Amino acid sequence: MWQTPILLEVIYNIFPIFCRQRLLAKFTENDHEKVERLMELHFKYLERVELAEDKIEREGLDKIEDEEEIYLRRLSGGLFSLQLIDYIVADSSSSGAASVKQRVLKILNQRNASIKTIRNIIREYAGNVGEVKDRGISSKHKSVQDDMEIENDNAAQASDEDGEVSSEQERMHLLHLVDKF
């Protein structure tokens, strides 16, 4: 059986490139059941990250100014999966049918949660895109970032000689997505 983080990475990687409209349509099928599941995963991994943060606080690591170690702990505590989930939520809400975003907002409201949480997770991810790549912090982040292709709404973005998307382009895409969401 597939593990959730692996499925998320697959969806994350094919989202911008493969049958985009068909994939977006999947989020409206069966009364938005995939949106419901995605939001379940959001809350599940948000709780895991909060537990990891509590553990960091109890261990006193938050007082040590090693932000890299704290970020690594949070990543291994579920932050990586949460970032992928929230990226998919934001992209499907911004690019798909309006009913997708309405369902996301309804679920957030039912759980007394805020869209700000999703935006903040994506902003944090955008803020670490280049740093993670440059420092080689996480092989998970690096593999996702190396494989990620960003599709611009109006035209393809410029790429470097190898056809790879730069960290800055990824960061700008993520921040643009947050603005649209």
N, C-alpha and C. Protein backbone atom coordinates (compact mmCIF):
# COMPACT_ATOMS: atom_id res chain seq x y z
N MET A 1 0.85 -1.19 0.00
CA MET A 1 0.00 0.00 0.00
C MET A 1 0.88 1.24 0.00
N TRP A 2 0.47 2.25 -0.73
CA TRP A 2 1.22 3.50 -0.84
C TRP A 2 1.20 4.26 0.48
N GLN A 3 2.32 4.88 0.82
CA GLN A 3 2.37 5.72 1.99
C GLN A 3 1.97 7.13 1.61
N THR A 4 1.31 7.81 2.52
CA THR A 4 0.80 9.15 2.25
C THR A 4 1.88 10.11 1.75
N PRO A 5 3.06 10.23 2.39
CA PRO A 5 4.06 11.18 1.89
C PRO A 5 4.50 10.87 0.46
N ILE A 6 4.57 9.62 0.09
CA ILE A 6 4.97 9.25 -1.27
C ILE A 6 3.90 9.69 -2.25
N LEU A 7 2.64 9.45 -1.93
CA LEU A 7 1.54 9.89 -2.80
C LEU A 7 1.53 11.41 -2.95
N LEU A 8 1.77 12.11 -1.86
CA LEU A 8 1.79 13.57 -1.91
C LEU A 8 2.89 14.06 -2.83
N GLU A 9 4.05 13.44 -2.74
CA GLU A 9 5.17 13.87 -3.58
C GLU A 9 4.86 13.60 -5.06
N VAL A 10 4.20 12.48 -5.34
CA VAL A 10 3.82 12.17 -6.72
C VAL A 10 2.84 13.23 -7.24
N ILE A 11 1.80 13.53 -6.46
CA ILE A 11 0.82 14.53 -6.87
C ILE A 11 1.49 15.89 -7.03
N TYR A 12 2.34 16.23 -6.09
CA TYR A 12 3.06 17.51 -6.12
C TYR A 12 3.88 17.64 -7.40
N ASN A 13 4.54 16.55 -7.78
CA ASN A 13 5.40 16.60 -8.96
C ASN A 13 4.63 16.61 -10.28
N ILE A 14 3.49 15.93 -10.33
CA ILE A 14 2.75 15.91 -11.59
C ILE A 14 1.76 17.06 -11.70
N PHE A 15 1.47 17.71 -10.58
CA PHE A 15 0.47 18.79 -10.58
C PHE A 15 0.76 19.85 -11.63
N PRO A 16 1.97 20.37 -11.69
CA PRO A 16 2.21 21.44 -12.66
C PRO A 16 2.35 20.98 -14.11
N ILE A 17 2.54 19.69 -14.37
CA ILE A 17 2.91 19.31 -15.72
C ILE A 17 1.98 18.33 -16.43
N PHE A 18 1.38 17.41 -15.74
CA PHE A 18 0.70 16.30 -16.40
C PHE A 18 -0.81 16.44 -16.30
N CYS A 19 -1.46 16.62 -17.43
CA CYS A 19 -2.92 16.65 -17.49
C CYS A 19 -3.51 17.53 -16.40
N ARG A 20 -3.04 18.72 -16.31
CA ARG A 20 -3.40 19.63 -15.23
C ARG A 20 -4.91 19.79 -15.05
N GLN A 21 -5.61 20.06 -16.14
CA GLN A 21 -7.05 20.29 -16.04
C GLN A 21 -7.78 19.03 -15.59
N ARG A 22 -7.32 17.89 -16.07
CA ARG A 22 -7.93 16.62 -15.68
C ARG A 22 -7.71 16.36 -14.18
N LEU A 23 -6.50 16.65 -13.74
CA LEU A 23 -6.19 16.47 -12.33
C LEU A 23 -7.01 17.43 -11.46
N LEU A 24 -7.12 18.67 -11.89
CA LEU A 24 -7.91 19.64 -11.13
C LEU A 24 -9.38 19.23 -11.05
N ALA A 25 -9.89 18.63 -12.14
CA ALA A 25 -11.28 18.17 -12.16
C ALA A 25 -11.53 17.07 -11.13
N LYS A 26 -10.50 16.31 -10.81
CA LYS A 26 -10.64 15.23 -9.82
C LYS A 26 -11.07 15.76 -8.45
N PHE A 27 -10.70 17.00 -8.16
CA PHE A 27 -11.03 17.57 -6.85
C PHE A 27 -12.51 17.91 -6.70
N THR A 28 -13.25 17.93 -7.80
CA THR A 28 -14.69 18.22 -7.71
C THR A 28 -15.53 16.95 -7.78
N GLU A 29 -14.93 15.83 -8.15
CA GLU A 29 -15.69 14.59 -8.29
C GLU A 29 -16.23 14.10 -6.95
N ASN A 30 -17.34 13.38 -7.02
CA ASN A 30 -17.95 12.77 -5.83
C ASN A 30 -18.09 13.75 -4.67
N ASP A 31 -18.69 14.89 -4.99
CA ASP A 31 -18.95 15.92 -3.99
C ASP A 31 -17.67 16.32 -3.23
N HIS A 32 -16.61 16.53 -4.01
CA HIS A 32 -15.34 17.03 -3.48
C HIS A 32 -14.67 16.10 -2.47
N GLU A 33 -14.81 14.79 -2.67
CA GLU A 33 -14.25 13.86 -1.69
C GLU A 33 -12.73 13.97 -1.58
N LYS A 34 -12.05 14.32 -2.67
CA LYS A 34 -10.59 14.45 -2.61
C LYS A 34 -10.17 15.70 -1.84
N VAL A 35 -10.98 16.73 -1.91
CA VAL A 35 -10.73 17.93 -1.12
C VAL A 35 -10.90 17.59 0.36
N GLU A 36 -11.95 16.84 0.66
CA GLU A 36 -12.19 16.41 2.04
C GLU A 36 -10.99 15.62 2.58
N ARG A 37 -10.50 14.69 1.77
CA ARG A 37 -9.36 13.86 2.19
C ARG A 37 -8.10 14.71 2.35
N LEU A 38 -7.89 15.61 1.42
CA LEU A 38 -6.73 16.49 1.49
C LEU A 38 -6.75 17.33 2.76
N MET A 39 -7.92 17.82 3.11
CA MET A 39 -8.03 18.62 4.33
C MET A 39 -7.87 17.76 5.58
N GLU A 40 -8.33 16.50 5.53
CA GLU A 40 -8.05 15.57 6.64
C GLU A 40 -6.55 15.43 6.83
N LEU A 41 -5.84 15.27 5.72
CA LEU A 41 -4.39 15.14 5.78
C LEU A 41 -3.74 16.42 6.29
N HIS A 42 -4.28 17.56 5.89
CA HIS A 42 -3.76 18.85 6.38
C HIS A 42 -3.81 18.88 7.91
N PHE A 43 -4.96 18.56 8.46
CA PHE A 43 -5.11 18.61 9.92
C PHE A 43 -4.27 17.54 10.62
N LYS A 44 -4.17 16.39 10.01
CA LYS A 44 -3.35 15.30 10.58
C LYS A 44 -1.88 15.73 10.67
N TYR A 45 -1.35 16.26 9.57
CA TYR A 45 0.06 16.65 9.56
C TYR A 45 0.30 17.94 10.32
N LEU A 46 -0.67 18.83 10.37
CA LEU A 46 -0.54 20.02 11.18
C LEU A 46 -0.39 19.63 12.65
N GLU A 47 -1.18 18.66 13.07
CA GLU A 47 -1.08 18.17 14.45
C GLU A 47 0.29 17.55 14.71
N ARG A 48 0.80 16.79 13.75
CA ARG A 48 2.12 16.18 13.91
C ARG A 48 3.21 17.24 14.05
N VAL A 49 3.11 18.28 13.23
CA VAL A 49 4.10 19.35 13.29
C VAL A 49 4.01 20.07 14.63
N GLU A 50 2.80 20.31 15.09
CA GLU A 50 2.62 20.96 16.40
C GLU A 50 3.21 20.10 17.51
N LEU A 51 3.05 18.78 17.43
CA LEU A 51 3.65 17.89 18.42
C LEU A 51 5.18 17.95 18.35
N ALA A 52 5.72 17.98 17.14
CA ALA A 52 7.17 18.09 16.97
C ALA A 52 7.68 19.41 17.55
N GLU A 53 6.92 20.49 17.33
CA GLU A 53 7.30 21.79 17.88
C GLU A 53 7.25 21.79 19.40
N ASP A 54 6.24 21.12 19.96
CA ASP A 54 6.15 21.00 21.43
C ASP A 54 7.35 20.24 21.98
N LYS A 55 7.73 19.18 21.28
CA LYS A 55 8.88 18.38 21.71
C LYS A 55 10.16 19.21 21.63
N ILE A 56 10.31 20.00 20.60
CA ILE A 56 11.47 20.88 20.46
C ILE A 56 11.51 21.87 21.62
N GLU A 57 10.35 22.40 21.95
CA GLU A 57 10.26 23.36 23.05
C GLU A 57 10.60 22.69 24.39
N ARG A 58 10.07 21.48 24.61
CA ARG A 58 10.36 20.76 25.86
C ARG A 58 11.85 20.43 25.99
N GLU A 59 12.49 20.12 24.87
CA GLU A 59 13.91 19.79 24.88
C GLU A 59 14.79 21.04 24.98
N GLY A 60 14.17 22.20 24.86
CA GLY A 60 14.91 23.45 24.95
C GLY A 60 15.67 23.81 23.69
N LEU A 61 15.40 23.13 22.60
CA LEU A 61 16.09 23.43 21.34
C LEU A 61 15.70 24.78 20.78
N ASP A 62 14.49 25.23 21.12
CA ASP A 62 14.06 26.52 20.59
C ASP A 62 14.88 27.67 21.18
N LYS A 63 15.50 27.43 22.32
CA LYS A 63 16.34 28.46 22.93
C LYS A 63 17.73 28.48 22.31
N ILE A 64 18.12 27.34 21.76
CA ILE A 64 19.38 27.28 21.01
C ILE A 64 19.09 27.91 19.66
N GLU A 65 19.96 28.73 19.22
CA GLU A 65 19.68 29.47 18.00
C GLU A 65 20.11 28.72 16.75
N ASP A 66 19.99 27.41 16.77
CA ASP A 66 20.31 26.60 15.59
C ASP A 66 19.02 26.36 14.82
N GLU A 67 18.65 27.36 14.03
CA GLU A 67 17.40 27.30 13.28
C GLU A 67 17.38 26.13 12.31
N GLU A 68 18.54 25.77 11.78
CA GLU A 68 18.63 24.67 10.84
C GLU A 68 18.22 23.35 11.52
N GLU A 69 18.71 23.13 12.72
CA GLU A 69 18.37 21.90 13.45
C GLU A 69 16.88 21.87 13.80
N ILE A 70 16.34 23.00 14.19
CA ILE A 70 14.91 23.08 14.50
C ILE A 70 14.09 22.79 13.25
N TYR A 71 14.49 23.39 12.14
CA TYR A 71 13.77 23.17 10.87
C TYR A 71 13.84 21.70 10.46
N LEU A 72 15.00 21.09 10.61
CA LEU A 72 15.15 19.66 10.29
C LEU A 72 14.23 18.80 11.16
N ARG A 73 14.16 19.12 12.42
CA ARG A 73 13.28 18.37 13.34
C ARG A 73 11.83 18.53 12.93
N ARG A 74 11.46 19.74 12.57
CA ARG A 74 10.08 19.99 12.14
C ARG A 74 9.79 19.25 10.83
N LEU A 75 10.76 19.25 9.91
CA LEU A 75 10.58 18.52 8.65
C LEU A 75 10.34 17.04 8.92
N SER A 76 11.17 16.47 9.76
CA SER A 76 11.01 15.04 10.05
C SER A 76 9.76 14.77 10.88
N GLY A 77 9.24 15.79 11.53
CA GLY A 77 8.01 15.66 12.32
C GLY A 77 6.74 15.80 11.49
N GLY A 78 6.88 15.98 10.17
CA GLY A 78 5.69 16.06 9.32
C GLY A 78 5.56 17.34 8.52
N LEU A 79 6.46 18.30 8.73
CA LEU A 79 6.36 19.57 8.03
C LEU A 79 6.47 19.40 6.52
N PHE A 80 7.35 18.52 6.07
CA PHE A 80 7.52 18.31 4.64
C PHE A 80 6.20 17.89 3.99
N SER A 81 5.53 16.92 4.59
CA SER A 81 4.24 16.47 4.05
C SER A 81 3.19 17.57 4.13
N LEU A 82 3.19 18.31 5.22
CA LEU A 82 2.24 19.41 5.38
C LEU A 82 2.47 20.48 4.30
N GLN A 83 3.72 20.76 3.98
CA GLN A 83 4.00 21.75 2.93
C GLN A 83 3.47 21.27 1.58
N LEU A 84 3.65 20.00 1.27
CA LEU A 84 3.14 19.46 0.02
C LEU A 84 1.61 19.50 -0.01
N ILE A 85 1.00 19.11 1.08
CA ILE A 85 -0.46 19.13 1.18
C ILE A 85 -0.99 20.54 0.96
N ASP A 86 -0.40 21.50 1.67
CA ASP A 86 -0.88 22.87 1.57
C ASP A 86 -0.62 23.47 0.20
N TYR A 87 0.48 23.07 -0.43
CA TYR A 87 0.72 23.51 -1.82
C TYR A 87 -0.39 23.00 -2.72
N ILE A 88 -0.75 21.74 -2.59
CA ILE A 88 -1.79 21.14 -3.42
C ILE A 88 -3.14 21.80 -3.13
N VAL A 89 -3.44 22.06 -1.85
CA VAL A 89 -4.68 22.74 -1.48
C VAL A 89 -4.74 24.12 -2.13
N ALA A 90 -3.67 24.88 -1.99
CA ALA A 90 -3.65 26.24 -2.53
C ALA A 90 -3.73 26.24 -4.05
N ASP A 91 -2.98 25.36 -4.69
CA ASP A 91 -2.97 25.33 -6.15
C ASP A 91 -4.32 24.87 -6.71
N SER A 92 -4.88 23.84 -6.12
CA SER A 92 -6.18 23.36 -6.61
C SER A 92 -7.29 24.38 -6.33
N SER A 93 -7.18 25.10 -5.23
CA SER A 93 -8.16 26.13 -4.91
C SER A 93 -8.05 27.35 -5.81
N SER A 94 -6.84 27.69 -6.17
CA SER A 94 -6.60 28.87 -7.00
C SER A 94 -6.80 28.61 -8.48
N SER A 95 -6.49 27.40 -8.92
CA SER A 95 -6.52 27.09 -10.36
C SER A 95 -7.72 26.27 -10.78
N GLY A 96 -8.35 25.60 -9.84
CA GLY A 96 -9.48 24.73 -10.17
C GLY A 96 -10.80 25.45 -10.09
N ALA A 97 -11.84 24.67 -9.99
CA ALA A 97 -13.20 25.21 -9.89
C ALA A 97 -13.34 26.02 -8.60
N ALA A 98 -14.14 27.05 -8.65
CA ALA A 98 -14.37 27.91 -7.48
C ALA A 98 -14.92 27.11 -6.30
N SER A 99 -15.64 26.03 -6.61
CA SER A 99 -16.23 25.21 -5.54
C SER A 99 -15.17 24.52 -4.70
N VAL A 100 -13.98 24.33 -5.25
CA VAL A 100 -12.90 23.70 -4.48
C VAL A 100 -12.49 24.63 -3.34
N LYS A 101 -12.26 25.89 -3.65
CA LYS A 101 -11.87 26.83 -2.60
C LYS A 101 -13.01 27.01 -1.60
N GLN A 102 -14.25 27.05 -2.08
CA GLN A 102 -15.39 27.16 -1.17
C GLN A 102 -15.42 25.99 -0.20
N ARG A 103 -15.13 24.79 -0.69
CA ARG A 103 -15.14 23.60 0.18
C ARG A 103 -14.00 23.67 1.19
N VAL A 104 -12.83 24.11 0.73
CA VAL A 104 -11.68 24.27 1.64
C VAL A 104 -12.03 25.24 2.75
N LEU A 105 -12.59 26.39 2.39
CA LEU A 105 -12.97 27.40 3.39
C LEU A 105 -14.04 26.87 4.34
N LYS A 106 -14.99 26.11 3.82
CA LYS A 106 -16.04 25.53 4.65
C LYS A 106 -15.44 24.57 5.67
N ILE A 107 -14.52 23.72 5.23
CA ILE A 107 -13.89 22.75 6.14
C ILE A 107 -13.05 23.47 7.19
N LEU A 108 -12.30 24.47 6.76
CA LEU A 108 -11.52 25.25 7.72
C LEU A 108 -12.43 25.89 8.76
N ASN A 109 -13.54 26.46 8.31
CA ASN A 109 -14.49 27.10 9.21
C ASN A 109 -15.10 26.09 10.20
N GLN A 110 -15.44 24.91 9.70
CA GLN A 110 -16.00 23.87 10.57
C GLN A 110 -15.03 23.45 11.67
N ARG A 111 -13.75 23.51 11.39
CA ARG A 111 -12.73 23.10 12.34
C ARG A 111 -12.14 24.28 13.11
N ASN A 112 -12.79 25.44 12.98
CA ASN A 112 -12.31 26.67 13.62
C ASN A 112 -10.85 26.95 13.27
N ALA A 113 -10.51 26.70 12.02
CA ALA A 113 -9.16 26.93 11.52
C ALA A 113 -9.18 28.11 10.56
N SER A 114 -8.01 28.52 10.15
CA SER A 114 -7.90 29.70 9.30
C SER A 114 -7.08 29.40 8.05
N ILE A 115 -7.43 30.09 7.00
CA ILE A 115 -6.68 29.99 5.74
C ILE A 115 -5.26 30.53 5.94
N LYS A 116 -5.08 31.38 6.95
CA LYS A 116 -3.77 31.94 7.24
C LYS A 116 -2.75 30.86 7.56
N THR A 117 -3.18 29.78 8.18
CA THR A 117 -2.27 28.69 8.50
C THR A 117 -1.68 28.10 7.23
N ILE A 118 -2.51 27.84 6.25
CA ILE A 118 -2.04 27.29 4.98
C ILE A 118 -1.11 28.28 4.29
N ARG A 119 -1.50 29.53 4.28
CA ARG A 119 -0.64 30.56 3.66
C ARG A 119 0.72 30.63 4.35
N ASN A 120 0.72 30.58 5.68
CA ASN A 120 1.98 30.66 6.41
C ASN A 120 2.89 29.46 6.15
N ILE A 121 2.30 28.29 6.03
CA ILE A 121 3.09 27.08 5.73
C ILE A 121 3.75 27.23 4.35
N ILE A 122 3.00 27.70 3.38
CA ILE A 122 3.55 27.86 2.03
C ILE A 122 4.61 28.97 2.01
N ARG A 123 4.36 30.05 2.75
CA ARG A 123 5.36 31.13 2.82
C ARG A 123 6.66 30.62 3.44
N GLU A 124 6.53 29.84 4.50
CA GLU A 124 7.73 29.27 5.13
C GLU A 124 8.48 28.37 4.16
N TYR A 125 7.73 27.57 3.43
CA TYR A 125 8.35 26.70 2.43
C TYR A 125 9.07 27.54 1.38
N ALA A 126 8.42 28.58 0.89
CA ALA A 126 9.03 29.46 -0.11
C ALA A 126 10.29 30.11 0.45
N GLY A 127 10.25 30.47 1.71
CA GLY A 127 11.41 31.10 2.33
C GLY A 127 12.59 30.18 2.49
N ASN A 128 12.36 28.89 2.45
CA ASN A 128 13.44 27.92 2.62
C ASN A 128 13.82 27.20 1.34
N VAL A 129 13.17 27.50 0.25
CA VAL A 129 13.44 26.79 -1.01
C VAL A 129 14.92 26.87 -1.37
N GLY A 130 15.45 28.06 -1.53
CA GLY A 130 16.85 28.20 -1.93
C GLY A 130 17.82 27.77 -0.86
N GLU A 131 17.50 28.10 0.39
CA GLU A 131 18.38 27.75 1.49
C GLU A 131 18.52 26.24 1.62
N VAL A 132 17.41 25.55 1.50
CA VAL A 132 17.44 24.10 1.62
C VAL A 132 18.28 23.52 0.50
N LYS A 133 18.07 24.03 -0.69
CA LYS A 133 18.79 23.53 -1.86
C LYS A 133 20.28 23.83 -1.73
N ASP A 134 20.60 25.05 -1.33
CA ASP A 134 21.99 25.46 -1.25
C ASP A 134 22.75 24.73 -0.15
N ARG A 135 22.11 24.52 0.99
CA ARG A 135 22.78 23.88 2.12
C ARG A 135 22.66 22.37 2.06
N GLY A 136 21.74 21.87 1.21
CA GLY A 136 21.56 20.42 1.14
C GLY A 136 20.95 19.86 2.40
N ILE A 137 20.06 20.60 3.04
CA ILE A 137 19.49 20.18 4.31
C ILE A 137 18.73 18.86 4.20
N SER A 138 17.84 18.76 3.29
CA SER A 138 16.96 17.61 3.25
C SER A 138 16.92 16.99 1.86
N SER A 139 17.22 15.72 1.80
CA SER A 139 17.16 15.06 0.50
C SER A 139 15.73 15.04 -0.01
N LYS A 140 14.76 14.98 0.90
CA LYS A 140 13.36 15.03 0.47
C LYS A 140 13.07 16.35 -0.23
N HIS A 141 13.43 17.47 0.42
CA HIS A 141 13.19 18.78 -0.18
C HIS A 141 13.97 18.90 -1.48
N LYS A 142 15.22 18.49 -1.48
CA LYS A 142 16.06 18.64 -2.65
C LYS A 142 15.49 17.87 -3.83
N SER A 143 15.05 16.64 -3.61
CA SER A 143 14.52 15.85 -4.73
C SER A 143 13.23 16.46 -5.27
N VAL A 144 12.38 16.95 -4.40
CA VAL A 144 11.15 17.58 -4.86
C VAL A 144 11.47 18.85 -5.62
N GLN A 145 12.38 19.65 -5.09
CA GLN A 145 12.71 20.91 -5.75
C GLN A 145 13.42 20.68 -7.08
N ASP A 146 14.31 19.71 -7.14
CA ASP A 146 15.02 19.44 -8.38
C ASP A 146 14.09 18.97 -9.47
N ASP A 147 13.06 18.22 -9.11
CA ASP A 147 12.13 17.67 -10.09
C ASP A 147 11.00 18.63 -10.45
N MET A 148 10.78 19.62 -9.58
CA MET A 148 9.62 20.49 -9.75
C MET A 148 9.75 21.38 -10.98
N GLU A 149 8.70 21.42 -11.77
CA GLU A 149 8.63 22.35 -12.90
C GLU A 149 7.47 23.29 -12.62
N ILE A 150 7.70 24.56 -12.84
CA ILE A 150 6.66 25.53 -12.52
C ILE A 150 6.01 26.02 -13.81
N GLU A 151 4.69 25.98 -13.79
CA GLU A 151 3.94 26.43 -14.95
C GLU A 151 3.37 27.81 -14.66
N ASN A 152 3.70 28.75 -15.48
CA ASN A 152 3.19 30.10 -15.33
C ASN A 152 1.83 30.18 -16.00
N ASP A 153 0.92 30.99 -15.48
CA ASP A 153 -0.41 31.11 -16.07
C ASP A 153 -0.36 31.69 -17.48
N ASN A 154 0.46 32.68 -17.71
CA ASN A 154 0.48 33.36 -19.00
C ASN A 154 1.50 32.79 -19.97
N ALA A 155 2.67 32.46 -19.50
CA ALA A 155 3.72 31.93 -20.38
C ALA A 155 4.71 31.14 -19.54
N ALA A 156 5.48 30.33 -20.20
CA ALA A 156 6.49 29.54 -19.48
C ALA A 156 7.54 30.50 -18.94
N GLN A 157 7.98 30.24 -17.73
CA GLN A 157 9.00 31.09 -17.14
C GLN A 157 10.35 30.72 -17.73
N ALA A 158 11.26 31.69 -17.71
CA ALA A 158 12.60 31.43 -18.22
C ALA A 158 13.30 30.43 -17.31
N SER A 159 14.10 29.59 -17.91
CA SER A 159 14.84 28.61 -17.12
C SER A 159 16.31 28.72 -17.44
N ASP A 160 17.14 28.07 -16.63
CA ASP A 160 18.57 28.13 -16.87
C ASP A 160 18.97 27.20 -18.01
N GLU A 161 20.25 27.09 -18.26
CA GLU A 161 20.75 26.32 -19.40
C GLU A 161 20.30 24.86 -19.37
N ASP A 162 20.19 24.28 -18.21
CA ASP A 162 19.83 22.88 -18.08
C ASP A 162 18.32 22.66 -18.15
N GLY A 163 17.54 23.72 -18.24
CA GLY A 163 16.10 23.59 -18.28
C GLY A 163 15.49 23.43 -16.89
N GLU A 164 16.29 23.59 -15.84
CA GLU A 164 15.78 23.47 -14.48
C GLU A 164 15.26 24.82 -14.01
N VAL A 165 14.31 24.76 -13.11
CA VAL A 165 13.73 25.97 -12.55
C VAL A 165 14.61 26.41 -11.39
N SER A 166 14.94 27.69 -11.35
CA SER A 166 15.80 28.18 -10.28
C SER A 166 15.03 28.27 -8.96
N SER A 167 15.79 28.33 -7.90
CA SER A 167 15.18 28.48 -6.58
C SER A 167 14.36 29.75 -6.49
N GLU A 168 14.87 30.80 -7.11
CA GLU A 168 14.15 32.08 -7.08
C GLU A 168 12.82 31.96 -7.82
N GLN A 169 12.80 31.25 -8.94
CA GLN A 169 11.56 31.06 -9.68
C GLN A 169 10.57 30.24 -8.85
N GLU A 170 11.05 29.23 -8.19
CA GLU A 170 10.19 28.43 -7.32
C GLU A 170 9.61 29.28 -6.21
N ARG A 171 10.46 30.08 -5.59
CA ARG A 171 10.03 30.95 -4.50
C ARG A 171 8.96 31.93 -4.99
N MET A 172 9.19 32.53 -6.14
CA MET A 172 8.23 33.49 -6.69
C MET A 172 6.91 32.80 -7.03
N HIS A 173 6.98 31.60 -7.57
CA HIS A 173 5.76 30.85 -7.89
C HIS A 173 4.96 30.56 -6.61
N LEU A 174 5.64 30.11 -5.58
CA LEU A 174 4.96 29.80 -4.32
C LEU A 174 4.32 31.05 -3.71
N LEU A 175 5.05 32.14 -3.72
CA LEU A 175 4.51 33.39 -3.16
C LEU A 175 3.34 33.91 -4.00
N HIS A 176 3.43 33.77 -5.30
CA HIS A 176 2.32 34.16 -6.18
C HIS A 176 1.09 33.30 -5.87
N LEU A 177 1.32 32.02 -5.64
CA LEU A 177 0.23 31.11 -5.31
C LEU A 177 -0.44 31.52 -4.00
N VAL A 178 0.35 31.91 -3.02
CA VAL A 178 -0.21 32.37 -1.75
C VAL A 178 -1.06 33.61 -1.97
N ASP A 179 -0.58 34.51 -2.82
CA ASP A 179 -1.33 35.74 -3.09
C ASP A 179 -2.67 35.42 -3.76
N LYS A 180 -2.68 34.45 -4.67
CA LYS A 180 -3.92 34.08 -5.36
C LYS A 180 -4.87 33.33 -4.42
N PHE A 181 -4.31 32.64 -3.45
CA PHE A 181 -5.11 31.83 -2.54
C PHE A 181 -5.69 32.71 -1.47
